[in-house]
Amino acid sequence: MSDRHALSYKARRRWSLAILLVGMPVYIVAAVTLVNWIDRPSMLVELIVYVALGILWVVPFKFVFRGVGQADPEADDEQG
């Protein structure tokens, strides 16, 4: 991990939870509002916009979510 994004495992877990519980609903409302502002030329264009926005939201937070679903690498292996 680079020094620029040196968050501990616990900090990354907390931030990922906050992003998913608070940031994601806000982003969904913003995305739906954005799509409602544009005239719907076709369902395909609307689908492409939703898919693009669904992928783009994670780009700035990729380093936060990386490895969060795995076991804590900083924890002592005292089990077993």
PDB file of N, CA and C in Angstrom:
ATOM      1  N   MET A   1       0.847  -1.175   0.000  1.00  0.00           N
ATOM      2  CA  MET A   1       0.000   0.000   0.000  1.00  0.00           C
ATOM      3  C   MET A   1       0.888   1.233   0.000  1.00  0.00           C
ATOM      4  N   SER A   2       0.509   2.235  -0.763  1.00  0.00           N
ATOM      5  CA  SER A   2       1.347   3.433  -0.831  1.00  0.00           C
ATOM      6  C   SER A   2       1.139   4.296   0.404  1.00  0.00           C
ATOM      7  N   ASP A   3       2.103   5.176   0.662  1.00  0.00           N
ATOM      8  CA  ASP A   3       2.008   6.071   1.810  1.00  0.00           C
ATOM      9  C   ASP A   3       0.885   7.078   1.656  1.00  0.00           C
ATOM     10  N   ARG A   4       0.550   7.377   0.423  1.00  0.00           N
ATOM     11  CA  ARG A   4      -0.489   8.364   0.164  1.00  0.00           C
ATOM     12  C   ARG A   4      -1.843   7.900   0.688  1.00  0.00           C
ATOM     13  N   HIS A   5      -2.109   6.621   0.634  1.00  0.00           N
ATOM     14  CA  HIS A   5      -3.383   6.067   1.091  1.00  0.00           C
ATOM     15  C   HIS A   5      -3.159   5.116   2.264  1.00  0.00           C
ATOM     16  N   ALA A   6      -2.379   5.515   3.215  1.00  0.00           N
ATOM     17  CA  ALA A   6      -2.013   4.636   4.318  1.00  0.00           C
ATOM     18  C   ALA A   6      -3.089   4.671   5.399  1.00  0.00           C
ATOM     19  N   LEU A   7      -4.195   4.000   5.146  1.00  0.00           N
ATOM     20  CA  LEU A   7      -5.239   3.844   6.156  1.00  0.00           C
ATOM     21  C   LEU A   7      -5.122   2.453   6.752  1.00  0.00           C
ATOM     22  N   SER A   8      -5.376   2.352   8.017  1.00  0.00           N
ATOM     23  CA  SER A   8      -5.351   1.033   8.640  1.00  0.00           C
ATOM     24  C   SER A   8      -6.546   0.217   8.156  1.00  0.00           C
ATOM     25  N   TYR A   9      -6.481  -1.060   8.400  1.00  0.00           N
ATOM     26  CA  TYR A   9      -7.560  -1.961   7.996  1.00  0.00           C
ATOM     27  C   TYR A   9      -8.876  -1.548   8.656  1.00  0.00           C
ATOM     28  N   LYS A  10      -8.834  -1.244   9.946  1.00  0.00           N
ATOM     29  CA  LYS A  10     -10.063  -0.848  10.652  1.00  0.00           C
ATOM     30  C   LYS A  10     -10.609   0.465  10.118  1.00  0.00           C
ATOM     31  N   ALA A  11      -9.731   1.402   9.795  1.00  0.00           N
ATOM     32  CA  ALA A  11     -10.180   2.681   9.242  1.00  0.00           C
ATOM     33  C   ALA A  11     -10.821   2.475   7.870  1.00  0.00           C
ATOM     34  N   ARG A  12     -10.224   1.613   7.052  1.00  0.00           N
ATOM     35  CA  ARG A  12     -10.813   1.332   5.742  1.00  0.00           C
ATOM     36  C   ARG A  12     -12.161   0.656   5.878  1.00  0.00           C
ATOM     37  N   ARG A  13     -12.324  -0.235   6.873  1.00  0.00           N
ATOM     38  CA  ARG A  13     -13.636  -0.873   7.095  1.00  0.00           C
ATOM     39  C   ARG A  13     -14.675   0.153   7.511  1.00  0.00           C
ATOM     40  N   ARG A  14     -14.298   1.065   8.404  1.00  0.00           N
ATOM     41  CA  ARG A  14     -15.249   2.099   8.841  1.00  0.00           C
ATOM     42  C   ARG A  14     -15.630   3.017   7.695  1.00  0.00           C
ATOM     43  N   TRP A  15     -14.641   3.458   6.912  1.00  0.00           N
ATOM     44  CA  TRP A  15     -14.927   4.338   5.785  1.00  0.00           C
ATOM     45  C   TRP A  15     -15.776   3.630   4.738  1.00  0.00           C
ATOM     46  N   SER A  16     -15.505   2.362   4.481  1.00  0.00           N
ATOM     47  CA  SER A  16     -16.308   1.640   3.485  1.00  0.00           C
ATOM     48  C   SER A  16     -17.751   1.510   3.947  1.00  0.00           C
ATOM     49  N   LEU A  17     -17.967   1.274   5.231  1.00  0.00           N
ATOM     50  CA  LEU A  17     -19.326   1.202   5.759  1.00  0.00           C
ATOM     51  C   LEU A  17     -20.026   2.551   5.646  1.00  0.00           C
ATOM     52  N   ALA A  18     -19.340   3.627   5.968  1.00  0.00           N
ATOM     53  CA  ALA A  18     -19.927   4.965   5.853  1.00  0.00           C
ATOM     54  C   ALA A  18     -20.245   5.301   4.402  1.00  0.00           C
ATOM     55  N   ILE A  19     -19.351   4.930   3.497  1.00  0.00           N
ATOM     56  CA  ILE A  19     -19.586   5.201   2.078  1.00  0.00           C
ATOM     57  C   ILE A  19     -20.810   4.438   1.587  1.00  0.00           C
ATOM     58  N   LEU A  20     -20.945   3.182   1.998  1.00  0.00           N
ATOM     59  CA  LEU A  20     -22.069   2.378   1.539  1.00  0.00           C
ATOM     60  C   LEU A  20     -23.398   2.796   2.178  1.00  0.00           C
ATOM     61  N   LEU A  21     -23.379   3.176   3.449  1.00  0.00           N
ATOM     62  CA  LEU A  21     -24.627   3.509   4.141  1.00  0.00           C
ATOM     63  C   LEU A  21     -25.079   4.954   3.928  1.00  0.00           C
ATOM     64  N   VAL A  22     -24.145   5.868   3.726  1.00  0.00           N
ATOM     65  CA  VAL A  22     -24.498   7.280   3.575  1.00  0.00           C
ATOM     66  C   VAL A  22     -24.248   7.757   2.138  1.00  0.00           C
ATOM     67  N   GLY A  23     -23.067   7.510   1.652  1.00  0.00           N
ATOM     68  CA  GLY A  23     -22.693   8.023   0.340  1.00  0.00           C
ATOM     69  C   GLY A  23     -23.450   7.385  -0.810  1.00  0.00           C
ATOM     70  N   MET A  24     -23.671   6.091  -0.746  1.00  0.00           N
ATOM     71  CA  MET A  24     -24.342   5.402  -1.842  1.00  0.00           C
ATOM     72  C   MET A  24     -25.782   5.881  -2.042  1.00  0.00           C
ATOM     73  N   PRO A  25     -26.605   5.999  -0.991  1.00  0.00           N
ATOM     74  CA  PRO A  25     -27.956   6.531  -1.213  1.00  0.00           C
ATOM     75  C   PRO A  25     -27.949   7.962  -1.768  1.00  0.00           C
ATOM     76  N   VAL A  26     -27.033   8.791  -1.295  1.00  0.00           N
ATOM     77  CA  VAL A  26     -26.930  10.157  -1.813  1.00  0.00           C
ATOM     78  C   VAL A  26     -26.551  10.124  -3.290  1.00  0.00           C
ATOM     79  N   TYR A  27     -25.619   9.251  -3.645  1.00  0.00           N
ATOM     80  CA  TYR A  27     -25.195   9.132  -5.035  1.00  0.00           C
ATOM     81  C   TYR A  27     -26.334   8.619  -5.915  1.00  0.00           C
ATOM     82  N   ILE A  28     -27.118   7.687  -5.418  1.00  0.00           N
ATOM     83  CA  ILE A  28     -28.245   7.149  -6.191  1.00  0.00           C
ATOM     84  C   ILE A  28     -29.264   8.246  -6.477  1.00  0.00           C
ATOM     85  N   VAL A  29     -29.585   9.039  -5.459  1.00  0.00           N
ATOM     86  CA  VAL A  29     -30.526  10.146  -5.654  1.00  0.00           C
ATOM     87  C   VAL A  29     -29.967  11.138  -6.669  1.00  0.00           C
ATOM     88  N   ALA A  30     -28.678  11.448  -6.579  1.00  0.00           N
ATOM     89  CA  ALA A  30     -28.059  12.371  -7.527  1.00  0.00           C
ATOM     90  C   ALA A  30     -28.070  11.799  -8.947  1.00  0.00           C
ATOM     91  N   ALA A  31     -27.816  10.512  -9.094  1.00  0.00           N
ATOM     92  CA  ALA A  31     -27.802   9.885 -10.416  1.00  0.00           C
ATOM     93  C   ALA A  31     -29.196   9.885 -11.034  1.00  0.00           C
ATOM     94  N   VAL A  32     -30.217   9.547 -10.255  1.00  0.00           N
ATOM     95  CA  VAL A  32     -31.585   9.547 -10.764  1.00  0.00           C
ATOM     96  C   VAL A  32     -32.011  10.965 -11.140  1.00  0.00           C
ATOM     97  N   THR A  33     -31.640  11.941 -10.323  1.00  0.00           N
ATOM     98  CA  THR A  33     -31.957  13.337 -10.630  1.00  0.00           C
ATOM     99  C   THR A  33     -31.282  13.770 -11.928  1.00  0.00           C
ATOM    100  N   LEU A  34     -30.019  13.394 -12.109  1.00  0.00           N
ATOM    101  CA  LEU A  34     -29.288  13.725 -13.330  1.00  0.00           C
ATOM    102  C   LEU A  34     -29.954  13.113 -14.554  1.00  0.00           C
ATOM    103  N   VAL A  35     -30.344  11.869 -14.463  1.00  0.00           N
ATOM    104  CA  VAL A  35     -30.976  11.200 -15.602  1.00  0.00           C
ATOM    105  C   VAL A  35     -32.350  11.811 -15.885  1.00  0.00           C
ATOM    106  N   ASN A  36     -33.053  12.243 -14.848  1.00  0.00           N
ATOM    107  CA  ASN A  36     -34.359  12.874 -15.069  1.00  0.00           C
ATOM    108  C   ASN A  36     -34.227  14.241 -15.735  1.00  0.00           C
ATOM    109  N   TRP A  37     -33.087  14.919 -15.567  1.00  0.00           N
ATOM    110  CA  TRP A  37     -32.873  16.218 -16.196  1.00  0.00           C
ATOM    111  C   TRP A  37     -32.684  16.106 -17.704  1.00  0.00           C
ATOM    112  N   ILE A  38     -32.089  15.009 -18.144  1.00  0.00           N
ATOM    113  CA  ILE A  38     -31.887  14.855 -19.590  1.00  0.00           C
ATOM    114  C   ILE A  38     -33.163  14.309 -20.205  1.00  0.00           C
ATOM    115  N   ASP A  39     -33.445  14.759 -21.429  1.00  0.00           N
ATOM    116  CA  ASP A  39     -34.600  14.206 -22.141  1.00  0.00           C
ATOM    117  C   ASP A  39     -34.280  12.775 -22.506  1.00  0.00           C
ATOM    118  N   ARG A  40     -35.252  11.908 -22.356  1.00  0.00           N
ATOM    119  CA  ARG A  40     -35.031  10.494 -22.611  1.00  0.00           C
ATOM    120  C   ARG A  40     -35.142  10.230 -24.113  1.00  0.00           C
ATOM    121  N   PRO A  41     -33.985  10.202 -24.798  1.00  0.00           N
ATOM    122  CA  PRO A  41     -34.057   9.896 -26.228  1.00  0.00           C
ATOM    123  C   PRO A  41     -34.405   8.433 -26.474  1.00  0.00           C
ATOM    124  N   SER A  42     -33.935   7.553 -25.608  1.00  0.00           N
ATOM    125  CA  SER A  42     -34.284   6.131 -25.711  1.00  0.00           C
ATOM    126  C   SER A  42     -33.946   5.444 -24.398  1.00  0.00           C
ATOM    127  N   MET A  43     -34.530   4.296 -24.225  1.00  0.00           N
ATOM    128  CA  MET A  43     -34.258   3.504 -23.022  1.00  0.00           C
ATOM    129  C   MET A  43     -32.803   3.041 -23.004  1.00  0.00           C
ATOM    130  N   LEU A  44     -32.236   2.801 -24.179  1.00  0.00           N
ATOM    131  CA  LEU A  44     -30.853   2.341 -24.273  1.00  0.00           C
ATOM    132  C   LEU A  44     -29.879   3.408 -23.763  1.00  0.00           C
ATOM    133  N   VAL A  45     -30.126   4.666 -24.122  1.00  0.00           N
ATOM    134  CA  VAL A  45     -29.266   5.750 -23.640  1.00  0.00           C
ATOM    135  C   VAL A  45     -29.369   5.866 -22.129  1.00  0.00           C
ATOM    136  N   GLU A  46     -30.580   5.760 -21.605  1.00  0.00           N
ATOM    137  CA  GLU A  46     -30.774   5.823 -20.157  1.00  0.00           C
ATOM    138  C   GLU A  46     -30.051   4.674 -19.462  1.00  0.00           C
ATOM    139  N   LEU A  47     -30.136   3.487 -20.016  1.00  0.00           N
ATOM    140  CA  LEU A  47     -29.444   2.333 -19.455  1.00  0.00           C
ATOM    141  C   LEU A  47     -27.931   2.535 -19.469  1.00  0.00           C
ATOM    142  N   ILE A  48     -27.400   3.067 -20.557  1.00  0.00           N
ATOM    143  CA  ILE A  48     -25.956   3.306 -20.655  1.00  0.00           C
ATOM    144  C   ILE A  48     -25.515   4.322 -19.608  1.00  0.00           C
ATOM    145  N   VAL A  49     -26.310   5.376 -19.406  1.00  0.00           N
ATOM    146  CA  VAL A  49     -25.963   6.383 -18.402  1.00  0.00           C
ATOM    147  C   VAL A  49     -25.961   5.762 -17.011  1.00  0.00           C
ATOM    148  N   TYR A  50     -26.981   4.956 -16.700  1.00  0.00           N
ATOM    149  CA  TYR A  50     -27.035   4.317 -15.380  1.00  0.00           C
ATOM    150  C   TYR A  50     -25.871   3.354 -15.175  1.00  0.00           C
ATOM    151  N   VAL A  51     -25.517   2.594 -16.188  1.00  0.00           N
ATOM    152  CA  VAL A  51     -24.396   1.656 -16.064  1.00  0.00           C
ATOM    153  C   VAL A  51     -23.083   2.420 -15.873  1.00  0.00           C
ATOM    154  N   ALA A  52     -22.894   3.483 -16.634  1.00  0.00           N
ATOM    155  CA  ALA A  52     -21.676   4.278 -16.499  1.00  0.00           C
ATOM    156  C   ALA A  52     -21.587   4.906 -15.109  1.00  0.00           C
ATOM    157  N   LEU A  53     -22.684   5.475 -14.626  1.00  0.00           N
ATOM    158  CA  LEU A  53     -22.680   6.067 -13.291  1.00  0.00           C
ATOM    159  C   LEU A  53     -22.497   5.002 -12.208  1.00  0.00           C
ATOM    160  N   GLY A  54     -23.005   3.806 -12.453  1.00  0.00           N
ATOM    161  CA  GLY A  54     -22.844   2.712 -11.500  1.00  0.00           C
ATOM    162  C   GLY A  54     -21.409   2.242 -11.386  1.00  0.00           C
ATOM    163  N   ILE A  55     -20.645   2.398 -12.442  1.00  0.00           N
ATOM    164  CA  ILE A  55     -19.235   2.014 -12.409  1.00  0.00           C
ATOM    165  C   ILE A  55     -18.367   3.163 -11.902  1.00  0.00           C
ATOM    166  N   LEU A  56     -18.695   4.381 -12.298  1.00  0.00           N
ATOM    167  CA  LEU A  56     -17.853   5.529 -11.960  1.00  0.00           C
ATOM    168  C   LEU A  56     -17.838   5.881 -10.480  1.00  0.00           C
ATOM    169  N   TRP A  57     -18.862   5.510  -9.723  1.00  0.00           N
ATOM    170  CA  TRP A  57     -18.903   5.918  -8.311  1.00  0.00           C
ATOM    171  C   TRP A  57     -17.785   5.284  -7.503  1.00  0.00           C
ATOM    172  N   VAL A  58     -17.315   4.133  -7.919  1.00  0.00           N
ATOM    173  CA  VAL A  58     -16.325   3.411  -7.126  1.00  0.00           C
ATOM    174  C   VAL A  58     -14.892   3.861  -7.385  1.00  0.00           C
ATOM    175  N   VAL A  59     -14.656   4.545  -8.497  1.00  0.00           N
ATOM    176  CA  VAL A  59     -13.283   4.913  -8.873  1.00  0.00           C
ATOM    177  C   VAL A  59     -12.571   5.705  -7.769  1.00  0.00           C
ATOM    178  N   PRO A  60     -13.169   6.749  -7.191  1.00  0.00           N
ATOM    179  CA  PRO A  60     -12.424   7.475  -6.165  1.00  0.00           C
ATOM    180  C   PRO A  60     -12.260   6.700  -4.854  1.00  0.00           C
ATOM    181  N   PHE A  61     -13.048   5.648  -4.651  1.00  0.00           N
ATOM    182  CA  PHE A  61     -13.023   4.911  -3.389  1.00  0.00           C
ATOM    183  C   PHE A  61     -12.403   3.526  -3.515  1.00  0.00           C
ATOM    184  N   LYS A  62     -11.765   3.241  -4.626  1.00  0.00           N
ATOM    185  CA  LYS A  62     -11.221   1.904  -4.853  1.00  0.00           C
ATOM    186  C   LYS A  62     -10.230   1.501  -3.762  1.00  0.00           C
ATOM    187  N   PHE A  63      -9.372   2.435  -3.330  1.00  0.00           N
ATOM    188  CA  PHE A  63      -8.367   2.101  -2.322  1.00  0.00           C
ATOM    189  C   PHE A  63      -8.997   1.819  -0.959  1.00  0.00           C
ATOM    190  N   VAL A  64     -10.183   2.366  -0.698  1.00  0.00           N
ATOM    191  CA  VAL A  64     -10.851   2.129   0.584  1.00  0.00           C
ATOM    192  C   VAL A  64     -11.409   0.711   0.631  1.00  0.00           C
ATOM    193  N   PHE A  65     -11.994   0.258  -0.469  1.00  0.00           N
ATOM    194  CA  PHE A  65     -12.647  -1.048  -0.487  1.00  0.00           C
ATOM    195  C   PHE A  65     -11.686  -2.211  -0.716  1.00  0.00           C
ATOM    196  N   ARG A  66     -10.481  -1.948  -1.163  1.00  0.00           N
ATOM    197  CA  ARG A  66      -9.542  -3.023  -1.482  1.00  0.00           C
ATOM    198  C   ARG A  66      -9.177  -3.828  -0.238  1.00  0.00           C
ATOM    199  N   GLY A  67      -9.480  -5.114  -0.231  1.00  0.00           N
ATOM    200  CA  GLY A  67      -9.093  -6.013   0.838  1.00  0.00           C
ATOM    201  C   GLY A  67      -9.956  -5.959   2.092  1.00  0.00           C
ATOM    202  N   VAL A  68     -11.050  -5.200   2.066  1.00  0.00           N
ATOM    203  CA  VAL A  68     -11.877  -5.057   3.266  1.00  0.00           C
ATOM    204  C   VAL A  68     -12.623  -6.353   3.578  1.00  0.00           C
ATOM    205  N   GLY A  69     -12.969  -7.126   2.578  1.00  0.00           N
ATOM    206  CA  GLY A  69     -13.705  -8.365   2.795  1.00  0.00           C
ATOM    207  C   GLY A  69     -12.842  -9.517   3.279  1.00  0.00           C
ATOM    208  N   GLN A  70     -11.543  -9.321   3.358  1.00  0.00           N
ATOM    209  CA  GLN A  70     -10.636 -10.376   3.802  1.00  0.00           C
ATOM    210  C   GLN A  70     -10.348 -10.227   5.291  1.00  0.00           C
ATOM    211  N   ALA A  71      -9.665 -11.193   5.836  1.00  0.00           N
ATOM    212  CA  ALA A  71      -9.302 -11.149   7.254  1.00  0.00           C
ATOM    213  C   ALA A  71      -8.334  -9.998   7.508  1.00  0.00           C
ATOM    214  N   ASP A  72      -8.345  -9.493   8.728  1.00  0.00           N
ATOM    215  CA  ASP A  72      -7.495  -8.372   9.120  1.00  0.00           C
ATOM    216  C   ASP A  72      -6.029  -8.790   9.040  1.00  0.00           C
ATOM    217  N   PRO A  73      -5.237  -8.207   8.160  1.00  0.00           N
ATOM    218  CA  PRO A  73      -3.834  -8.592   8.049  1.00  0.00           C
ATOM    219  C   PRO A  73      -2.994  -8.096   9.220  1.00  0.00           C
ATOM    220  N   GLU A  74      -3.504  -7.122   9.977  1.00  0.00           N
ATOM    221  CA  GLU A  74      -2.767  -6.561  11.101  1.00  0.00           C
ATOM    222  C   GLU A  74      -3.058  -7.280  12.420  1.00  0.00           C
ATOM    223  N   ALA A  75      -4.049  -8.172  12.415  1.00  0.00           N
ATOM    224  CA  ALA A  75      -4.421  -8.878  13.650  1.00  0.00           C
ATOM    225  C   ALA A  75      -3.405  -9.973  13.949  1.00  0.00           C
ATOM    226  N   ASP A  76      -3.172 -10.183  15.231  1.00  0.00           N
ATOM    227  CA  ASP A  76      -2.292 -11.274  15.644  1.00  0.00           C
ATOM    228  C   ASP A  76      -2.994 -12.593  15.391  1.00  0.00           C
ATOM    229  N   ASP A  77      -2.255 -13.568  14.948  1.00  0.00           N
ATOM    230  CA  ASP A  77      -2.835 -14.884  14.654  1.00  0.00           C
ATOM    231  C   ASP A  77      -2.785 -15.752  15.899  1.00  0.00           C
ATOM    232  N   GLU A  78      -3.632 -15.424  16.885  1.00  0.00           N
ATOM    233  CA  GLU A  78      -3.642 -16.140  18.164  1.00  0.00           C
ATOM    234  C   GLU A  78      -4.659 -17.256  18.191  1.00  0.00           C
ATOM    235  N   GLN A  79      -5.434 -17.404  17.135  1.00  0.00           N
ATOM    236  CA  GLN A  79      -6.453 -18.463  17.118  1.00  0.00           C
ATOM    237  C   GLN A  79      -5.804 -19.772  16.689  1.00  0.00           C
ATOM    238  N   GLY A  80      -6.220 -20.849  17.337  1.00  0.00           N
ATOM    239  CA  GLY A  80      -5.796 -22.193  16.975  1.00  0.00           C
ATOM    240  C   GLY A  80      -4.403 -22.425  17.204  1.00  0.00           C
TER     241      GLY A  80
END
